[in-house]
PDB file of N, CA and C in Angstrom:
ATOM      1  N   MET A   1      12.241  -8.553  -0.995  1.00  0.00           N
ATOM      2  CA  MET A   1      10.676  -7.801  -0.721  1.00  0.00           C
ATOM      3  C   MET A   1      10.511  -6.557  -0.977  1.00  0.00           C
ATOM      4  N   THR A   2       9.486  -6.233  -1.284  1.00  0.00           N
ATOM      5  CA  THR A   2       9.278  -4.870  -1.770  1.00  0.00           C
ATOM      6  C   THR A   2       8.854  -4.009  -0.701  1.00  0.00           C
ATOM      7  N   ARG A   3       9.455  -2.712  -0.909  1.00  0.00           N
ATOM      8  CA  ARG A   3       9.283  -1.933   0.516  1.00  0.00           C
ATOM      9  C   ARG A   3       8.568  -0.472  -0.031  1.00  0.00           C
ATOM     10  N   ILE A   4       7.602  -0.381   0.713  1.00  0.00           N
ATOM     11  CA  ILE A   4       6.918   0.857   0.426  1.00  0.00           C
ATOM     12  C   ILE A   4       7.206   1.778   1.694  1.00  0.00           C
ATOM     13  N   VAL A   5       7.639   3.018   1.621  1.00  0.00           N
ATOM     14  CA  VAL A   5       7.916   4.108   2.714  1.00  0.00           C
ATOM     15  C   VAL A   5       6.947   5.357   2.212  1.00  0.00           C
ATOM     16  N   LEU A   6       6.060   5.691   3.657  1.00  0.00           N
ATOM     17  CA  LEU A   6       5.560   6.777   3.789  1.00  0.00           C
ATOM     18  C   LEU A   6       6.227   7.649   4.365  1.00  0.00           C
ATOM     19  N   CYS A   7       6.238   9.179   4.003  1.00  0.00           N
ATOM     20  CA  CYS A   7       7.000   9.965   4.963  1.00  0.00           C
ATOM     21  C   CYS A   7       6.103  11.032   5.108  1.00  0.00           C
ATOM     22  N   CYS A   8       6.119  11.313   6.232  1.00  0.00           N
ATOM     23  CA  CYS A   8       5.222  12.778   6.810  1.00  0.00           C
ATOM     24  C   CYS A   8       6.338  13.415   7.723  1.00  0.00           C
ATOM     25  N   ALA A   9       5.738  14.687   8.296  1.00  0.00           N
ATOM     26  CA  ALA A   9       6.461  15.097   8.972  1.00  0.00           C
ATOM     27  C   ALA A   9       7.201  14.667  10.036  1.00  0.00           C
ATOM     28  N   ALA A  10       6.542  14.068  10.900  1.00  0.00           N
ATOM     29  CA  ALA A  10       7.461  13.307  12.106  1.00  0.00           C
ATOM     30  C   ALA A  10       7.166  11.814  12.163  1.00  0.00           C
ATOM     31  N   GLY A  11       6.624  11.392  10.831  1.00  0.00           N
ATOM     32  CA  GLY A  11       6.257   9.817  10.694  1.00  0.00           C
ATOM     33  C   GLY A  11       5.425   9.157  11.753  1.00  0.00           C
ATOM     34  N   MET A  12       4.788   9.924  12.212  1.00  0.00           N
ATOM     35  CA  MET A  12       3.558   9.399  13.270  1.00  0.00           C
ATOM     36  C   MET A  12       1.952   9.361  12.646  1.00  0.00           C
ATOM     37  N   SER A  13       1.923  10.398  12.036  1.00  0.00           N
ATOM     38  CA  SER A  13       0.703  10.660  11.263  1.00  0.00           C
ATOM     39  C   SER A  13       0.301   9.771  10.323  1.00  0.00           C
ATOM     40  N   THR A  14       1.331   8.917   9.820  1.00  0.00           N
ATOM     41  CA  THR A  14       0.878   8.042   8.390  1.00  0.00           C
ATOM     42  C   THR A  14       0.737   6.770   9.176  1.00  0.00           C
ATOM     43  N   SER A  15       0.930   6.442  10.713  1.00  0.00           N
ATOM     44  CA  SER A  15       1.020   4.872  11.101  1.00  0.00           C
ATOM     45  C   SER A  15      -0.147   4.489  11.087  1.00  0.00           C
ATOM     46  N   MET A  16      -1.389   5.271  10.998  1.00  0.00           N
ATOM     47  CA  MET A  16      -2.466   4.525  10.759  1.00  0.00           C
ATOM     48  C   MET A  16      -3.074   4.089   9.401  1.00  0.00           C
ATOM     49  N   LEU A  17      -2.728   4.886   8.573  1.00  0.00           N
ATOM     50  CA  LEU A  17      -2.506   4.644   7.033  1.00  0.00           C
ATOM     51  C   LEU A  17      -1.693   3.174   6.874  1.00  0.00           C
ATOM     52  N   VAL A  18      -0.640   3.235   7.248  1.00  0.00           N
ATOM     53  CA  VAL A  18       0.259   2.068   6.973  1.00  0.00           C
ATOM     54  C   VAL A  18      -0.363   0.971   7.536  1.00  0.00           C
ATOM     55  N   ASN A  19      -1.214   1.157   8.545  1.00  0.00           N
ATOM     56  CA  ASN A  19      -1.678  -0.283   9.108  1.00  0.00           C
ATOM     57  C   ASN A  19      -2.941  -0.808   8.073  1.00  0.00           C
ATOM     58  N   LYS A  20      -3.374   0.404   7.888  1.00  0.00           N
ATOM     59  CA  LYS A  20      -4.745  -0.036   6.588  1.00  0.00           C
ATOM     60  C   LYS A  20      -4.377  -0.846   5.039  1.00  0.00           C
ATOM     61  N   MET A  21      -2.767   0.047   4.903  1.00  0.00           N
ATOM     62  CA  MET A  21      -2.047  -0.729   3.593  1.00  0.00           C
ATOM     63  C   MET A  21      -1.883  -2.239   4.041  1.00  0.00           C
ATOM     64  N   LYS A  22      -1.276  -2.272   5.171  1.00  0.00           N
ATOM     65  CA  LYS A  22      -0.774  -3.604   5.437  1.00  0.00           C
ATOM     66  C   LYS A  22      -1.603  -4.834   5.430  1.00  0.00           C
ATOM     67  N   ALA A  23      -2.988  -4.081   5.994  1.00  0.00           N
ATOM     68  CA  ALA A  23      -4.133  -5.119   5.843  1.00  0.00           C
ATOM     69  C   ALA A  23      -4.836  -5.342   4.515  1.00  0.00           C
ATOM     70  N   GLU A  24      -4.797  -4.407   3.809  1.00  0.00           N
ATOM     71  CA  GLU A  24      -5.089  -4.436   2.381  1.00  0.00           C
ATOM     72  C   GLU A  24      -4.061  -5.354   1.483  1.00  0.00           C
ATOM     73  N   ALA A  25      -2.880  -5.200   1.590  1.00  0.00           N
ATOM     74  CA  ALA A  25      -1.649  -6.163   1.114  1.00  0.00           C
ATOM     75  C   ALA A  25      -1.819  -7.484   1.624  1.00  0.00           C
ATOM     76  N   GLN A  26      -2.175  -7.900   2.899  1.00  0.00           N
ATOM     77  CA  GLN A  26      -2.416  -9.012   3.445  1.00  0.00           C
ATOM     78  C   GLN A  26      -3.644  -9.791   2.704  1.00  0.00           C
ATOM     79  N   GLN A  27      -4.727  -9.011   2.678  1.00  0.00           N
ATOM     80  CA  GLN A  27      -6.074  -9.582   1.673  1.00  0.00           C
ATOM     81  C   GLN A  27      -5.639 -10.017   0.447  1.00  0.00           C
ATOM     82  N   ARG A  28      -4.865  -8.952   0.001  1.00  0.00           N
ATOM     83  CA  ARG A  28      -4.586  -9.533  -1.492  1.00  0.00           C
ATOM     84  C   ARG A  28      -3.063 -10.507  -2.081  1.00  0.00           C
ATOM     85  N   ALA A  29      -2.800 -11.085  -0.730  1.00  0.00           N
ATOM     86  CA  ALA A  29      -1.552 -11.920  -0.493  1.00  0.00           C
ATOM     87  C   ALA A  29      -0.206 -11.540  -1.146  1.00  0.00           C
ATOM     88  N   LEU A  30      -0.229  -9.966  -0.711  1.00  0.00           N
ATOM     89  CA  LEU A  30       1.236  -9.320  -1.518  1.00  0.00           C
ATOM     90  C   LEU A  30       2.202  -9.627  -0.570  1.00  0.00           C
ATOM     91  N   ALA A  31       3.446  -9.812  -0.917  1.00  0.00           N
ATOM     92  CA  ALA A  31       4.395  -9.702   0.010  1.00  0.00           C
ATOM     93  C   ALA A  31       5.201  -8.538   0.232  1.00  0.00           C
ATOM     94  N   LEU A  32       4.935  -7.518   1.157  1.00  0.00           N
ATOM     95  CA  LEU A  32       5.487  -6.141   0.917  1.00  0.00           C
ATOM     96  C   LEU A  32       5.477  -5.407   2.242  1.00  0.00           C
ATOM     97  N   GLU A  33       6.910  -4.982   2.461  1.00  0.00           N
ATOM     98  CA  GLU A  33       7.086  -4.140   3.441  1.00  0.00           C
ATOM     99  C   GLU A  33       6.749  -2.675   3.552  1.00  0.00           C
ATOM    100  N   ILE A  34       5.864  -2.093   4.504  1.00  0.00           N
ATOM    101  CA  ILE A  34       5.226  -0.949   4.299  1.00  0.00           C
ATOM    102  C   ILE A  34       5.527  -0.315   5.812  1.00  0.00           C
ATOM    103  N   TYR A  35       6.166   0.601   5.748  1.00  0.00           N
ATOM    104  CA  TYR A  35       6.229   1.258   6.975  1.00  0.00           C
ATOM    105  C   TYR A  35       6.511   3.102   6.914  1.00  0.00           C
ATOM    106  N   ALA A  36       6.479   3.797   7.954  1.00  0.00           N
ATOM    107  CA  ALA A  36       6.611   5.109   7.854  1.00  0.00           C
ATOM    108  C   ALA A  36       7.740   5.749   8.377  1.00  0.00           C
ATOM    109  N   VAL A  37       7.958   7.113   7.891  1.00  0.00           N
ATOM    110  CA  VAL A  37       9.441   7.535   8.497  1.00  0.00           C
ATOM    111  C   VAL A  37       9.091   8.995   8.597  1.00  0.00           C
ATOM    112  N   ALA A  38       9.756   9.865   9.334  1.00  0.00           N
ATOM    113  CA  ALA A  38       9.771  11.201   9.250  1.00  0.00           C
ATOM    114  C   ALA A  38      10.467  11.624   7.976  1.00  0.00           C
ATOM    115  N   VAL A  39      10.094  12.816   7.257  1.00  0.00           N
ATOM    116  CA  VAL A  39      10.547  12.918   6.242  1.00  0.00           C
ATOM    117  C   VAL A  39      12.161  13.651   6.326  1.00  0.00           C
ATOM    118  N   ALA A  40      12.534  13.701   7.673  1.00  0.00           N
ATOM    119  CA  ALA A  40      13.772  14.161   8.104  1.00  0.00           C
ATOM    120  C   ALA A  40      15.127  12.814   7.870  1.00  0.00           C
ATOM    121  N   GLU A  41      14.300  11.537   7.618  1.00  0.00           N
ATOM    122  CA  GLU A  41      14.984  10.149   7.370  1.00  0.00           C
ATOM    123  C   GLU A  41      14.996   9.681   6.060  1.00  0.00           C
ATOM    124  N   PHE A  42      14.422  10.639   5.338  1.00  0.00           N
ATOM    125  CA  PHE A  42      14.527  10.092   3.611  1.00  0.00           C
ATOM    126  C   PHE A  42      15.465   9.789   2.982  1.00  0.00           C
ATOM    127  N   GLU A  43      16.716  10.290   3.408  1.00  0.00           N
ATOM    128  CA  GLU A  43      17.689  10.210   2.581  1.00  0.00           C
ATOM    129  C   GLU A  43      18.552   8.829   3.448  1.00  0.00           C
ATOM    130  N   ARG A  44      18.510   8.593   4.221  1.00  0.00           N
ATOM    131  CA  ARG A  44      18.668   7.277   5.005  1.00  0.00           C
ATOM    132  C   ARG A  44      18.095   6.488   4.850  1.00  0.00           C
ATOM    133  N   GLU A  45      16.629   6.067   4.553  1.00  0.00           N
ATOM    134  CA  GLU A  45      15.783   5.168   3.916  1.00  0.00           C
ATOM    135  C   GLU A  45      15.992   5.001   2.540  1.00  0.00           C
ATOM    136  N   LEU A  46      16.037   6.065   1.939  1.00  0.00           N
ATOM    137  CA  LEU A  46      16.054   6.051   0.269  1.00  0.00           C
ATOM    138  C   LEU A  46      16.669   4.455  -0.364  1.00  0.00           C
ATOM    139  N   PRO A  47      17.883   4.630   0.173  1.00  0.00           N
ATOM    140  CA  PRO A  47      18.494   2.984  -0.665  1.00  0.00           C
ATOM    141  C   PRO A  47      17.470   1.746  -0.157  1.00  0.00           C
ATOM    142  N   HIS A  48      16.750   1.696   0.839  1.00  0.00           N
ATOM    143  CA  HIS A  48      16.018   0.592   1.172  1.00  0.00           C
ATOM    144  C   HIS A  48      14.523   0.354   0.411  1.00  0.00           C
ATOM    145  N   ALA A  49      14.226   1.617  -0.156  1.00  0.00           N
ATOM    146  CA  ALA A  49      12.663   2.013  -0.452  1.00  0.00           C
ATOM    147  C   ALA A  49      12.612   1.419  -2.079  1.00  0.00           C
ATOM    148  N   ASP A  50      11.647   0.758  -2.423  1.00  0.00           N
ATOM    149  CA  ASP A  50      11.194   0.787  -3.758  1.00  0.00           C
ATOM    150  C   ASP A  50      10.302   1.772  -4.319  1.00  0.00           C
ATOM    151  N   VAL A  51       9.469   2.403  -3.566  1.00  0.00           N
ATOM    152  CA  VAL A  51       8.687   3.688  -3.709  1.00  0.00           C
ATOM    153  C   VAL A  51       8.516   4.437  -2.426  1.00  0.00           C
ATOM    154  N   ILE A  52       8.625   5.691  -2.548  1.00  0.00           N
ATOM    155  CA  ILE A  52       8.000   6.582  -1.370  1.00  0.00           C
ATOM    156  C   ILE A  52       7.019   7.442  -1.600  1.00  0.00           C
ATOM    157  N   LEU A  53       6.174   7.547  -0.727  1.00  0.00           N
ATOM    158  CA  LEU A  53       4.783   7.991  -0.723  1.00  0.00           C
ATOM    159  C   LEU A  53       4.977   9.386   0.120  1.00  0.00           C
ATOM    160  N   LEU A  54       4.724  10.574  -0.009  1.00  0.00           N
ATOM    161  CA  LEU A  54       4.839  11.667   0.703  1.00  0.00           C
ATOM    162  C   LEU A  54       3.406  12.161   1.348  1.00  0.00           C
ATOM    163  N   GLY A  55       3.276  12.441   2.453  1.00  0.00           N
ATOM    164  CA  GLY A  55       1.935  12.519   3.250  1.00  0.00           C
ATOM    165  C   GLY A  55       1.571  14.305   2.401  1.00  0.00           C
ATOM    166  N   PRO A  56       0.514  14.432   2.408  1.00  0.00           N
ATOM    167  CA  PRO A  56       0.274  15.738   2.072  1.00  0.00           C
ATOM    168  C   PRO A  56       0.758  16.926   2.880  1.00  0.00           C
ATOM    169  N   GLN A  57       1.195  16.631   4.104  1.00  0.00           N
ATOM    170  CA  GLN A  57       1.900  17.882   4.803  1.00  0.00           C
ATOM    171  C   GLN A  57       3.258  18.046   4.477  1.00  0.00           C
ATOM    172  N   VAL A  58       3.700  17.152   3.542  1.00  0.00           N
ATOM    173  CA  VAL A  58       5.227  17.432   3.126  1.00  0.00           C
ATOM    174  C   VAL A  58       5.634  17.661   1.933  1.00  0.00           C
ATOM    175  N   LYS A  59       4.367  17.939   0.935  1.00  0.00           N
ATOM    176  CA  LYS A  59       4.243  17.788  -0.458  1.00  0.00           C
ATOM    177  C   LYS A  59       5.065  18.902  -0.854  1.00  0.00           C
ATOM    178  N   TYR A  60       5.501  19.827  -0.004  1.00  0.00           N
ATOM    179  CA  TYR A  60       6.483  21.020  -0.535  1.00  0.00           C
ATOM    180  C   TYR A  60       7.817  20.449  -0.687  1.00  0.00           C
ATOM    181  N   GLU A  61       8.279  19.327  -0.060  1.00  0.00           N
ATOM    182  CA  GLU A  61       9.199  18.846  -0.453  1.00  0.00           C
ATOM    183  C   GLU A  61       9.502  17.875  -1.645  1.00  0.00           C
ATOM    184  N   ALA A  62       8.479  17.988  -2.321  1.00  0.00           N
ATOM    185  CA  ALA A  62       8.237  16.650  -3.270  1.00  0.00           C
ATOM    186  C   ALA A  62       9.445  16.949  -4.347  1.00  0.00           C
ATOM    187  N   GLY A  63       9.382  17.817  -4.790  1.00  0.00           N
ATOM    188  CA  GLY A  63      10.932  18.307  -5.648  1.00  0.00           C
ATOM    189  C   GLY A  63      11.982  18.089  -5.201  1.00  0.00           C
ATOM    190  N   ARG A  64      12.234  18.378  -4.148  1.00  0.00           N
ATOM    191  CA  ARG A  64      13.663  18.021  -3.636  1.00  0.00           C
ATOM    192  C   ARG A  64      13.904  16.578  -3.404  1.00  0.00           C
ATOM    193  N   LEU A  65      12.998  15.921  -3.005  1.00  0.00           N
ATOM    194  CA  LEU A  65      13.190  14.397  -2.454  1.00  0.00           C
ATOM    195  C   LEU A  65      13.209  13.953  -4.118  1.00  0.00           C
ATOM    196  N   THR A  66      12.321  14.149  -4.850  1.00  0.00           N
ATOM    197  CA  THR A  66      12.249  13.525  -6.207  1.00  0.00           C
ATOM    198  C   THR A  66      13.740  13.488  -6.977  1.00  0.00           C
ATOM    199  N   ALA A  67      14.445  14.827  -6.554  1.00  0.00           N
ATOM    200  CA  ALA A  67      15.582  14.990  -7.601  1.00  0.00           C
ATOM    201  C   ALA A  67      16.758  14.023  -6.930  1.00  0.00           C
ATOM    202  N   LEU A  68      16.509  13.994  -5.563  1.00  0.00           N
ATOM    203  CA  LEU A  68      17.599  12.578  -4.885  1.00  0.00           C
ATOM    204  C   LEU A  68      17.177  11.164  -4.979  1.00  0.00           C
ATOM    205  N   ALA A  69      16.027  11.103  -5.252  1.00  0.00           N
ATOM    206  CA  ALA A  69      15.401   9.730  -5.807  1.00  0.00           C
ATOM    207  C   ALA A  69      15.635   8.977  -7.177  1.00  0.00           C
ATOM    208  N   ALA A  70      15.508  10.058  -8.173  1.00  0.00           N
ATOM    209  CA  ALA A  70      15.204   9.703  -9.487  1.00  0.00           C
ATOM    210  C   ALA A  70      16.563   8.987  -9.975  1.00  0.00           C
ATOM    211  N   PRO A  71      17.916   9.546  -9.441  1.00  0.00           N
ATOM    212  CA  PRO A  71      19.233   8.621  -9.918  1.00  0.00           C
ATOM    213  C   PRO A  71      19.320   7.516  -9.634  1.00  0.00           C
ATOM    214  N   GLN A  72      18.455   7.045  -8.494  1.00  0.00           N
ATOM    215  CA  GLN A  72      18.236   5.581  -8.216  1.00  0.00           C
ATOM    216  C   GLN A  72      17.217   5.197  -8.627  1.00  0.00           C
ATOM    217  N   GLY A  73      16.611   5.635  -9.349  1.00  0.00           N
ATOM    218  CA  GLY A  73      15.390   4.887 -10.132  1.00  0.00           C
ATOM    219  C   GLY A  73      14.228   4.536  -9.104  1.00  0.00           C
ATOM    220  N   LYS A  74      14.211   5.283  -7.780  1.00  0.00           N
ATOM    221  CA  LYS A  74      13.317   5.335  -7.324  1.00  0.00           C
ATOM    222  C   LYS A  74      11.764   6.679  -7.396  1.00  0.00           C
ATOM    223  N   ALA A  75      10.737   5.983  -7.507  1.00  0.00           N
ATOM    224  CA  ALA A  75       9.645   6.617  -7.546  1.00  0.00           C
ATOM    225  C   ALA A  75       8.979   7.551  -5.998  1.00  0.00           C
ATOM    226  N   VAL A  76       8.811   8.833  -6.233  1.00  0.00           N
ATOM    227  CA  VAL A  76       8.326   9.463  -5.063  1.00  0.00           C
ATOM    228  C   VAL A  76       7.132  10.253  -5.628  1.00  0.00           C
ATOM    229  N   ALA A  77       6.025   9.898  -5.018  1.00  0.00           N
ATOM    230  CA  ALA A  77       4.537  10.712  -5.422  1.00  0.00           C
ATOM    231  C   ALA A  77       3.918  10.955  -3.955  1.00  0.00           C
ATOM    232  N   VAL A  78       3.218  12.081  -4.303  1.00  0.00           N
ATOM    233  CA  VAL A  78       2.474  12.693  -2.782  1.00  0.00           C
ATOM    234  C   VAL A  78       1.198  11.870  -3.147  1.00  0.00           C
ATOM    235  N   ILE A  79       0.916  11.700  -1.656  1.00  0.00           N
ATOM    236  CA  ILE A  79      -0.414  10.921  -1.400  1.00  0.00           C
ATOM    237  C   ILE A  79      -1.560  11.866  -1.602  1.00  0.00           C
ATOM    238  N   ASP A  80      -2.841  11.396  -2.393  1.00  0.00           N
ATOM    239  CA  ASP A  80      -3.636  12.291  -2.462  1.00  0.00           C
ATOM    240  C   ASP A  80      -4.419  12.687  -1.412  1.00  0.00           C
ATOM    241  N   MET A  81      -4.699  14.016  -1.020  1.00  0.00           N
ATOM    242  CA  MET A  81      -5.251  14.300   0.204  1.00  0.00           C
ATOM    243  C   MET A  81      -6.109  13.799   0.826  1.00  0.00           C
ATOM    244  N   ALA A  82      -7.538  13.492   0.042  1.00  0.00           N
ATOM    245  CA  ALA A  82      -8.577  12.941   0.567  1.00  0.00           C
ATOM    246  C   ALA A  82      -8.521  11.356   0.727  1.00  0.00           C
ATOM    247  N   ASP A  83      -7.630  10.772   0.032  1.00  0.00           N
ATOM    248  CA  ASP A  83      -7.332   9.410   0.421  1.00  0.00           C
ATOM    249  C   ASP A  83      -6.579   9.110   1.970  1.00  0.00           C
ATOM    250  N   TYR A  84      -5.669  10.355   1.905  1.00  0.00           N
ATOM    251  CA  TYR A  84      -4.800  10.364   3.159  1.00  0.00           C
ATOM    252  C   TYR A  84      -5.993  10.966   4.366  1.00  0.00           C
ATOM    253  N   GLY A  85      -6.896  11.675   4.372  1.00  0.00           N
ATOM    254  CA  GLY A  85      -7.644  12.106   5.415  1.00  0.00           C
ATOM    255  C   GLY A  85      -8.851  11.140   5.640  1.00  0.00           C
ATOM    256  N   MET A  86      -9.012  10.285   4.586  1.00  0.00           N
ATOM    257  CA  MET A  86     -10.242   9.010   4.500  1.00  0.00           C
ATOM    258  C   MET A  86      -9.516   7.949   5.014  1.00  0.00           C
ATOM    259  N   MET A  87      -8.109   7.865   5.277  1.00  0.00           N
ATOM    260  CA  MET A  87      -7.450   6.486   5.607  1.00  0.00           C
ATOM    261  C   MET A  87      -8.088   5.365   4.805  1.00  0.00           C
ATOM    262  N   ARG A  88      -7.701   5.823   3.326  1.00  0.00           N
ATOM    263  CA  ARG A  88      -8.085   4.582   2.266  1.00  0.00           C
ATOM    264  C   ARG A  88      -6.875   3.882   1.720  1.00  0.00           C
ATOM    265  N   GLY A  89      -6.467   3.117   2.992  1.00  0.00           N
ATOM    266  CA  GLY A  89      -5.476   2.103   2.401  1.00  0.00           C
ATOM    267  C   GLY A  89      -5.336   1.388   1.129  1.00  0.00           C
ATOM    268  N   ALA A  90      -6.333   1.111   0.843  1.00  0.00           N
ATOM    269  CA  ALA A  90      -6.358   0.297  -0.677  1.00  0.00           C
ATOM    270  C   ALA A  90      -6.403   1.207  -1.848  1.00  0.00           C
ATOM    271  N   ALA A  91      -6.783   2.478  -1.719  1.00  0.00           N
ATOM    272  CA  ALA A  91      -6.269   3.501  -2.780  1.00  0.00           C
ATOM    273  C   ALA A  91      -4.758   3.881  -2.619  1.00  0.00           C
ATOM    274  N   VAL A  92      -4.219   3.653  -1.680  1.00  0.00           N
ATOM    275  CA  VAL A  92      -2.944   4.496  -1.230  1.00  0.00           C
ATOM    276  C   VAL A  92      -1.799   3.329  -2.109  1.00  0.00           C
ATOM    277  N   LEU A  93      -2.313   1.887  -1.503  1.00  0.00           N
ATOM    278  CA  LEU A  93      -1.840   0.775  -1.882  1.00  0.00           C
ATOM    279  C   LEU A  93      -1.422   0.687  -3.392  1.00  0.00           C
ATOM    280  N   ASP A  94      -2.865   0.977  -4.069  1.00  0.00           N
ATOM    281  CA  ASP A  94      -2.855   0.926  -5.403  1.00  0.00           C
ATOM    282  C   ASP A  94      -1.914   1.774  -6.065  1.00  0.00           C
ATOM    283  N   LYS A  95      -1.743   3.194  -5.958  1.00  0.00           N
ATOM    284  CA  LYS A  95      -1.285   4.130  -5.970  1.00  0.00           C
ATOM    285  C   LYS A  95       0.567   3.613  -5.947  1.00  0.00           C
ATOM    286  N   ALA A  96       0.580   3.409  -4.893  1.00  0.00           N
ATOM    287  CA  ALA A  96       2.118   2.720  -4.405  1.00  0.00           C
ATOM    288  C   ALA A  96       2.210   1.709  -5.604  1.00  0.00           C
ATOM    289  N   LEU A  97       1.579   0.426  -6.089  1.00  0.00           N
ATOM    290  CA  LEU A  97       1.789  -0.332  -6.770  1.00  0.00           C
ATOM    291  C   LEU A  97       1.761   0.166  -8.184  1.00  0.00           C
ATOM    292  N   ALA A  98       0.953   1.038  -8.791  1.00  0.00           N
ATOM    293  CA  ALA A  98       1.287   1.510  -9.765  1.00  0.00           C
ATOM    294  C   ALA A  98       2.614   1.828 -10.176  1.00  0.00           C
ATOM    295  N   LEU A  99       3.125   3.034  -9.154  1.00  0.00           N
ATOM    296  CA  LEU A  99       4.465   3.553  -9.511  1.00  0.00           C
ATOM    297  C   LEU A  99       5.553   2.440  -9.255  1.00  0.00           C
ATOM    298  N   LEU A 100       5.497   1.420  -8.711  1.00  0.00           N
ATOM    299  CA  LEU A 100       6.360  -0.046  -8.939  1.00  0.00           C
ATOM    300  C   LEU A 100       6.187  -0.305 -10.368  1.00  0.00           C
ATOM    301  N   GLU A 101       5.252  -0.336 -11.062  1.00  0.00           N
ATOM    302  CA  GLU A 101       5.038  -0.867 -12.459  1.00  0.00           C
ATOM    303  C   GLU A 101       5.877   0.077 -13.508  1.00  0.00           C
ATOM    304  N   HIS A 102       5.818   1.207 -13.210  1.00  0.00           N
ATOM    305  CA  HIS A 102       6.654   1.763 -14.136  1.00  0.00           C
ATOM    306  C   HIS A 102       7.777   1.975 -14.121  1.00  0.00           C
TER     307      HIS A 102
END
């Protein structure tokens, strides 16, 4: 099963967005595992993730985390601030799926 992991400062603020993404994935009949973790857990979760999306509040970590993920062929991207703030689960899911295709 494809795993999409959202990382934020504490793993809590993304929980609502995760729920919206799960609902959208279910509507599209996509078999995905979507969950949130704190950015401090990134290295532990990396081997299990297919794509990692960072909350805007931890975008300062993007360079370091991308450097860790790239050798494993894993994509890391920052969630658009407007999509995050408006909890646009469909848009964020689309971004994750686009990263999986590359």
